[in-house]
Amino acid sequence: MSNKHKSDITLEKSELGQWLRDLATAVEAGELPCEAGPVSLEGYKSVKFSFKETFGGKVRAKVSVKFPKPAWTAPAAPGMEPAGPEAVFEAEEPAEGGPLPKYKSLKKHMKYTFKAIGAALTAGQMPPVPECQSFIADSKLMVSYQGKGDEFYGAYLEKTVAFEAAVAAGGLEAMKALYLELAQLKRDCHSRHA
């Protein structure tokens, strides 16, 4: 998914106030309206608004939101394609299967893919498979870090495996429910280990 989303609309000048009120309501809900569906503002880097009066008493309103680019792409799980360009990462600690990426880099990448999945599900669309595969692979890797929320790992891994099955089956409603459960586990873990 792109790290930049733009929305461009032409309104009657008299409609601008209501459009701005609707925009404020969407922002309070943590999203921006976009042609392809709402875009989550979680983790955004910048948001820009511009208004330009055009001919005939109309106003052209533009909204753009940028997100940080992912620092690296996690190694894909067996049978899965990596999502995006390959990148080299520094080892943090040794593991049986080789070095682990830095925890901070892994979490940053997970935040990006989780946000992309959530934006698609919120819009009632199937999330891009590469983002799902990358998030699942990252999640399975994340639970190998000790002292970062170990007491949540069992439940998190169980929901991740169920999410993986829902992705494979194309079950949009199951994916939505599991996404919400994963988001709650994430919040619970981060409240203790942030």
C-alpha atoms as a PDB file:
ATOM      1  CA  MET A   1       0.000   0.000   0.000  1.00  0.00           C
ATOM      2  CA  SER A   2       1.108   3.540  -0.647  1.00  0.00           C
ATOM      3  CA  ASN A   3       2.418   5.659   2.201  1.00  0.00           C
ATOM      4  CA  LYS A   4       0.502   8.646   0.768  1.00  0.00           C
ATOM      5  CA  HIS A   5      -3.261   9.111   0.338  1.00  0.00           C
ATOM      6  CA  LYS A   6      -4.933  12.069  -1.384  1.00  0.00           C
ATOM      7  CA  SER A   7      -8.504  13.225  -1.662  1.00  0.00           C
ATOM      8  CA  ASP A   8      -9.650  15.970  -4.021  1.00  0.00           C
ATOM      9  CA  ILE A   9     -13.206  17.303  -4.166  1.00  0.00           C
ATOM     10  CA  THR A  10     -14.937  20.296  -5.750  1.00  0.00           C
ATOM     11  CA  LEU A  11     -17.771  21.815  -3.718  1.00  0.00           C
ATOM     12  CA  GLU A  12     -20.178  24.699  -3.876  1.00  0.00           C
ATOM     13  CA  LYS A  13     -18.778  27.486  -1.708  1.00  0.00           C
ATOM     14  CA  SER A  14     -21.856  27.181   0.534  1.00  0.00           C
ATOM     15  CA  GLU A  15     -21.076  23.460   1.165  1.00  0.00           C
ATOM     16  CA  LEU A  16     -17.538  24.031   2.459  1.00  0.00           C
ATOM     17  CA  GLY A  17     -18.577  24.573   6.087  1.00  0.00           C
ATOM     18  CA  GLN A  18     -20.497  21.283   6.258  1.00  0.00           C
ATOM     19  CA  TRP A  19     -17.671  19.450   4.492  1.00  0.00           C
ATOM     20  CA  LEU A  20     -15.221  20.765   7.112  1.00  0.00           C
ATOM     21  CA  ARG A  21     -17.567  19.685   9.949  1.00  0.00           C
ATOM     22  CA  ASP A  22     -17.807  16.189   8.420  1.00  0.00           C
ATOM     23  CA  LEU A  23     -14.023  16.144   8.048  1.00  0.00           C
ATOM     24  CA  ALA A  24     -13.610  17.102  11.724  1.00  0.00           C
ATOM     25  CA  THR A  25     -15.952  14.268  12.753  1.00  0.00           C
ATOM     26  CA  ALA A  26     -13.929  11.783  10.690  1.00  0.00           C
ATOM     27  CA  VAL A  27     -10.647  13.031  12.195  1.00  0.00           C
ATOM     28  CA  GLU A  28     -12.085  12.613  15.701  1.00  0.00           C
ATOM     29  CA  ALA A  29     -12.857   9.015  14.722  1.00  0.00           C
ATOM     30  CA  GLY A  30      -9.197   8.620  13.686  1.00  0.00           C
ATOM     31  CA  GLU A  31      -9.635   8.580   9.929  1.00  0.00           C
ATOM     32  CA  LEU A  32      -9.747  10.714   6.812  1.00  0.00           C
ATOM     33  CA  PRO A  33     -12.270  10.283   4.013  1.00  0.00           C
ATOM     34  CA  CYS A  34     -10.774   9.110   0.725  1.00  0.00           C
ATOM     35  CA  GLU A  35     -12.234   8.007  -2.633  1.00  0.00           C
ATOM     36  CA  ALA A  36     -11.308   4.363  -1.950  1.00  0.00           C
ATOM     37  CA  GLY A  37     -12.736   4.487   1.592  1.00  0.00           C
ATOM     38  CA  PRO A  38     -11.665   5.892   4.969  1.00  0.00           C
ATOM     39  CA  VAL A  39      -7.926   6.005   5.696  1.00  0.00           C
ATOM     40  CA  SER A  40      -6.818   5.397   9.284  1.00  0.00           C
ATOM     41  CA  LEU A  41      -4.726   8.210  10.775  1.00  0.00           C
ATOM     42  CA  GLU A  42      -2.874   5.835  13.098  1.00  0.00           C
ATOM     43  CA  GLY A  43       0.851   6.514  12.800  1.00  0.00           C
ATOM     44  CA  TYR A  44       0.509   9.341  10.277  1.00  0.00           C
ATOM     45  CA  LYS A  45       3.516  11.549   9.505  1.00  0.00           C
ATOM     46  CA  SER A  46       1.721  14.626   8.139  1.00  0.00           C
ATOM     47  CA  VAL A  47      -1.700  15.822   7.016  1.00  0.00           C
ATOM     48  CA  LYS A  48      -2.208  18.759   4.641  1.00  0.00           C
ATOM     49  CA  PHE A  49      -5.397  20.597   3.719  1.00  0.00           C
ATOM     50  CA  SER A  50      -5.751  23.149   0.940  1.00  0.00           C
ATOM     51  CA  PHE A  51      -8.671  25.112  -0.456  1.00  0.00           C
ATOM     52  CA  LYS A  52      -8.761  27.016  -3.708  1.00  0.00           C
ATOM     53  CA  GLU A  53     -11.628  29.061  -5.064  1.00  0.00           C
ATOM     54  CA  THR A  54     -12.421  28.158  -8.665  1.00  0.00           C
ATOM     55  CA  PHE A  55     -14.788  29.659 -11.233  1.00  0.00           C
ATOM     56  CA  GLY A  56     -18.524  29.726 -10.654  1.00  0.00           C
ATOM     57  CA  GLY A  57     -18.497  30.007  -6.860  1.00  0.00           C
ATOM     58  CA  LYS A  58     -16.926  26.602  -6.336  1.00  0.00           C
ATOM     59  CA  VAL A  59     -14.116  25.558  -4.008  1.00  0.00           C
ATOM     60  CA  ARG A  60     -11.603  22.813  -4.665  1.00  0.00           C
ATOM     61  CA  ALA A  61     -10.629  21.083  -1.411  1.00  0.00           C
ATOM     62  CA  LYS A  62      -7.607  18.801  -1.184  1.00  0.00           C
ATOM     63  CA  VAL A  63      -6.538  16.575   1.688  1.00  0.00           C
ATOM     64  CA  SER A  64      -3.358  14.520   1.725  1.00  0.00           C
ATOM     65  CA  VAL A  65      -1.950  12.291   4.460  1.00  0.00           C
ATOM     66  CA  LYS A  66       1.534  10.779   4.536  1.00  0.00           C
ATOM     67  CA  PHE A  67       2.755   7.846   6.573  1.00  0.00           C
ATOM     68  CA  PRO A  68       6.352   6.865   7.320  1.00  0.00           C
ATOM     69  CA  LYS A  69       7.846   4.459   4.833  1.00  0.00           C
ATOM     70  CA  PRO A  70       8.555   1.032   6.300  1.00  0.00           C
ATOM     71  CA  ALA A  71      12.189   0.641   7.314  1.00  0.00           C
ATOM     72  CA  TRP A  72      12.484  -2.946   6.139  1.00  0.00           C
ATOM     73  CA  THR A  73      10.507  -5.924   4.963  1.00  0.00           C
ATOM     74  CA  ALA A  74      10.350  -8.928   7.225  1.00  0.00           C
ATOM     75  CA  PRO A  75      11.487 -12.262   5.899  1.00  0.00           C
ATOM     76  CA  ALA A  76       8.431 -14.085   4.606  1.00  0.00           C
ATOM     77  CA  ALA A  77       7.085 -17.126   6.376  1.00  0.00           C
ATOM     78  CA  PRO A  78       7.466 -20.406   4.460  1.00  0.00           C
ATOM     79  CA  GLY A  79       5.320 -20.320   1.327  1.00  0.00           C
ATOM     80  CA  MET A  80       4.742 -16.564   1.540  1.00  0.00           C
ATOM     81  CA  GLU A  81       6.123 -13.802  -0.640  1.00  0.00           C
ATOM     82  CA  PRO A  82       7.715 -10.807   1.088  1.00  0.00           C
ATOM     83  CA  ALA A  83       5.794  -7.525   0.823  1.00  0.00           C
ATOM     84  CA  GLY A  84       8.067  -4.927  -0.730  1.00  0.00           C
ATOM     85  CA  PRO A  85      11.761  -4.456  -1.328  1.00  0.00           C
ATOM     86  CA  GLU A  86      14.319  -6.434   0.606  1.00  0.00           C
ATOM     87  CA  ALA A  87      16.318  -4.571   3.217  1.00  0.00           C
ATOM     88  CA  VAL A  88      19.236  -5.398   5.449  1.00  0.00           C
ATOM     89  CA  PHE A  89      18.700  -5.161   9.189  1.00  0.00           C
ATOM     90  CA  GLU A  90      21.071  -5.244  12.132  1.00  0.00           C
ATOM     91  CA  ALA A  91      21.030  -8.208  14.479  1.00  0.00           C
ATOM     92  CA  GLU A  92      19.717  -7.560  17.972  1.00  0.00           C
ATOM     93  CA  GLU A  93      20.189 -10.908  19.631  1.00  0.00           C
ATOM     94  CA  PRO A  94      21.027 -14.377  18.360  1.00  0.00           C
ATOM     95  CA  ALA A  95      18.349 -17.009  17.820  1.00  0.00           C
ATOM     96  CA  GLU A  96      18.396 -20.614  16.741  1.00  0.00           C
ATOM     97  CA  GLY A  97      17.336 -19.669  13.202  1.00  0.00           C
ATOM     98  CA  GLY A  98      19.790 -16.761  12.952  1.00  0.00           C
ATOM     99  CA  PRO A  99      19.853 -13.124  14.043  1.00  0.00           C
ATOM    100  CA  LEU A 100      16.661 -11.257  14.831  1.00  0.00           C
ATOM    101  CA  PRO A 101      15.958  -7.796  13.468  1.00  0.00           C
ATOM    102  CA  LYS A 102      15.997  -4.944  15.941  1.00  0.00           C
ATOM    103  CA  TYR A 103      12.789  -5.054  17.946  1.00  0.00           C
ATOM    104  CA  LYS A 104      12.053  -1.380  17.256  1.00  0.00           C
ATOM    105  CA  SER A 105      12.358  -1.916  13.474  1.00  0.00           C
ATOM    106  CA  LEU A 106      10.105  -4.961  13.623  1.00  0.00           C
ATOM    107  CA  LYS A 107       7.446  -3.096  15.623  1.00  0.00           C
ATOM    108  CA  LYS A 108       7.581  -0.119  13.250  1.00  0.00           C
ATOM    109  CA  HIS A 109       7.013  -2.390  10.271  1.00  0.00           C
ATOM    110  CA  MET A 110       4.185  -4.201  12.076  1.00  0.00           C
ATOM    111  CA  LYS A 111       2.505  -0.866  12.830  1.00  0.00           C
ATOM    112  CA  TYR A 112       2.608   0.048   9.132  1.00  0.00           C
ATOM    113  CA  THR A 113       1.141  -3.261   7.891  1.00  0.00           C
ATOM    114  CA  PHE A 114      -1.455  -3.441  10.706  1.00  0.00           C
ATOM    115  CA  LYS A 115      -2.611   0.080   9.795  1.00  0.00           C
ATOM    116  CA  ALA A 116      -2.873  -0.861   6.102  1.00  0.00           C
ATOM    117  CA  ILE A 117      -4.929  -3.945   6.977  1.00  0.00           C
ATOM    118  CA  GLY A 118      -7.195  -1.908   9.254  1.00  0.00           C
ATOM    119  CA  ALA A 119      -7.770   0.772   6.615  1.00  0.00           C
ATOM    120  CA  ALA A 120      -8.890  -1.838   4.090  1.00  0.00           C
ATOM    121  CA  LEU A 121     -11.145  -3.651   6.572  1.00  0.00           C
ATOM    122  CA  THR A 122     -12.703  -0.353   7.695  1.00  0.00           C
ATOM    123  CA  ALA A 123     -13.523   0.348   4.047  1.00  0.00           C
ATOM    124  CA  GLY A 124     -15.164  -3.096   3.791  1.00  0.00           C
ATOM    125  CA  GLN A 125     -12.451  -4.373   1.457  1.00  0.00           C
ATOM    126  CA  MET A 126     -10.128  -7.339   1.571  1.00  0.00           C
ATOM    127  CA  PRO A 127      -6.702  -6.117   2.692  1.00  0.00           C
ATOM    128  CA  PRO A 128      -3.803  -6.601   0.263  1.00  0.00           C
ATOM    129  CA  VAL A 129      -2.474 -10.136   0.694  1.00  0.00           C
ATOM    130  CA  PRO A 130       1.207  -9.033   0.820  1.00  0.00           C
ATOM    131  CA  GLU A 131       0.472  -6.784   3.833  1.00  0.00           C
ATOM    132  CA  CYS A 132      -1.410  -9.622   5.553  1.00  0.00           C
ATOM    133  CA  GLN A 133       1.390 -12.098   4.885  1.00  0.00           C
ATOM    134  CA  SER A 134       4.023  -9.650   6.092  1.00  0.00           C
ATOM    135  CA  PHE A 135       2.059  -8.848   9.266  1.00  0.00           C
ATOM    136  CA  ILE A 136       1.551 -12.549  10.029  1.00  0.00           C
ATOM    137  CA  ALA A 137       5.263 -13.310   9.510  1.00  0.00           C
ATOM    138  CA  ASP A 138       6.239 -10.302  11.684  1.00  0.00           C
ATOM    139  CA  SER A 139       3.791 -11.388  14.400  1.00  0.00           C
ATOM    140  CA  LYS A 140       5.236 -14.906  14.514  1.00  0.00           C
ATOM    141  CA  LEU A 141       8.725 -13.423  14.759  1.00  0.00           C
ATOM    142  CA  MET A 142       7.737 -10.876  17.424  1.00  0.00           C
ATOM    143  CA  VAL A 143       6.686 -13.538  19.943  1.00  0.00           C
ATOM    144  CA  SER A 144      10.282 -14.825  19.998  1.00  0.00           C
ATOM    145  CA  TYR A 145      11.504 -11.680  21.813  1.00  0.00           C
ATOM    146  CA  GLN A 146      11.664 -12.305  25.560  1.00  0.00           C
ATOM    147  CA  GLY A 147      10.599  -9.697  28.082  1.00  0.00           C
ATOM    148  CA  LYS A 148       8.483  -7.711  25.619  1.00  0.00           C
ATOM    149  CA  GLY A 149       5.059  -8.993  26.704  1.00  0.00           C
ATOM    150  CA  ASP A 150       5.564 -12.728  27.072  1.00  0.00           C
ATOM    151  CA  GLU A 151       2.312 -13.169  29.032  1.00  0.00           C
ATOM    152  CA  PHE A 152       0.340 -12.008  25.950  1.00  0.00           C
ATOM    153  CA  TYR A 153       2.233 -14.101  23.390  1.00  0.00           C
ATOM    154  CA  GLY A 154       0.089 -17.265  23.631  1.00  0.00           C
ATOM    155  CA  ALA A 155      -3.212 -15.456  23.049  1.00  0.00           C
ATOM    156  CA  TYR A 156      -1.639 -13.202  20.395  1.00  0.00           C
ATOM    157  CA  LEU A 157      -0.181 -16.137  18.469  1.00  0.00           C
ATOM    158  CA  GLU A 158      -3.506 -17.986  18.648  1.00  0.00           C
ATOM    159  CA  LYS A 159      -5.346 -14.978  17.145  1.00  0.00           C
ATOM    160  CA  THR A 160      -2.588 -14.519  14.542  1.00  0.00           C
ATOM    161  CA  VAL A 161      -2.955 -18.135  13.380  1.00  0.00           C
ATOM    162  CA  ALA A 162      -6.748 -17.704  13.222  1.00  0.00           C
ATOM    163  CA  PHE A 163      -6.269 -14.457  11.247  1.00  0.00           C
ATOM    164  CA  GLU A 164      -3.947 -16.308   8.856  1.00  0.00           C
ATOM    165  CA  ALA A 165      -6.650 -18.945   8.295  1.00  0.00           C
ATOM    166  CA  ALA A 166      -9.262 -16.223   7.680  1.00  0.00           C
ATOM    167  CA  VAL A 167      -6.949 -14.574   5.117  1.00  0.00           C
ATOM    168  CA  ALA A 168      -6.428 -17.924   3.352  1.00  0.00           C
ATOM    169  CA  ALA A 169     -10.203 -18.524   3.311  1.00  0.00           C
ATOM    170  CA  GLY A 170     -10.999 -14.968   2.186  1.00  0.00           C
ATOM    171  CA  GLY A 171     -13.312 -14.511   5.197  1.00  0.00           C
ATOM    172  CA  LEU A 172     -13.776 -10.746   5.436  1.00  0.00           C
ATOM    173  CA  GLU A 173     -16.049 -10.811   8.512  1.00  0.00           C
ATOM    174  CA  ALA A 174     -13.747 -13.236  10.359  1.00  0.00           C
ATOM    175  CA  MET A 175     -10.782 -11.017   9.468  1.00  0.00           C
ATOM    176  CA  LYS A 176     -12.581  -7.949  10.836  1.00  0.00           C
ATOM    177  CA  ALA A 177     -13.393  -9.694  14.133  1.00  0.00           C
ATOM    178  CA  LEU A 178      -9.868 -11.068  14.532  1.00  0.00           C
ATOM    179  CA  TYR A 179      -8.329  -7.698  13.640  1.00  0.00           C
ATOM    180  CA  LEU A 180     -10.295  -6.116  16.496  1.00  0.00           C
ATOM    181  CA  GLU A 181      -9.176  -8.880  18.882  1.00  0.00           C
ATOM    182  CA  LEU A 182      -5.543  -8.425  17.834  1.00  0.00           C
ATOM    183  CA  ALA A 183      -5.893  -4.651  18.278  1.00  0.00           C
ATOM    184  CA  GLN A 184      -7.236  -5.169  21.819  1.00  0.00           C
ATOM    185  CA  LEU A 185      -4.376  -7.544  22.703  1.00  0.00           C
ATOM    186  CA  LYS A 186      -1.942  -4.971  21.309  1.00  0.00           C
ATOM    187  CA  ARG A 187      -3.467  -2.217  23.473  1.00  0.00           C
ATOM    188  CA  ASP A 188      -3.434  -4.444  26.581  1.00  0.00           C
ATOM    189  CA  CYS A 189       0.200  -5.413  26.013  1.00  0.00           C
ATOM    190  CA  HIS A 190       1.337  -1.883  25.238  1.00  0.00           C
ATOM    191  CA  SER A 191      -0.351  -0.568  28.387  1.00  0.00           C
ATOM    192  CA  ARG A 192       2.051  -2.733  30.417  1.00  0.00           C
ATOM    193  CA  HIS A 193       5.117  -2.865  28.174  1.00  0.00           C
ATOM    194  CA  ALA A 194       5.143   0.446  26.266  1.00  0.00           C
END
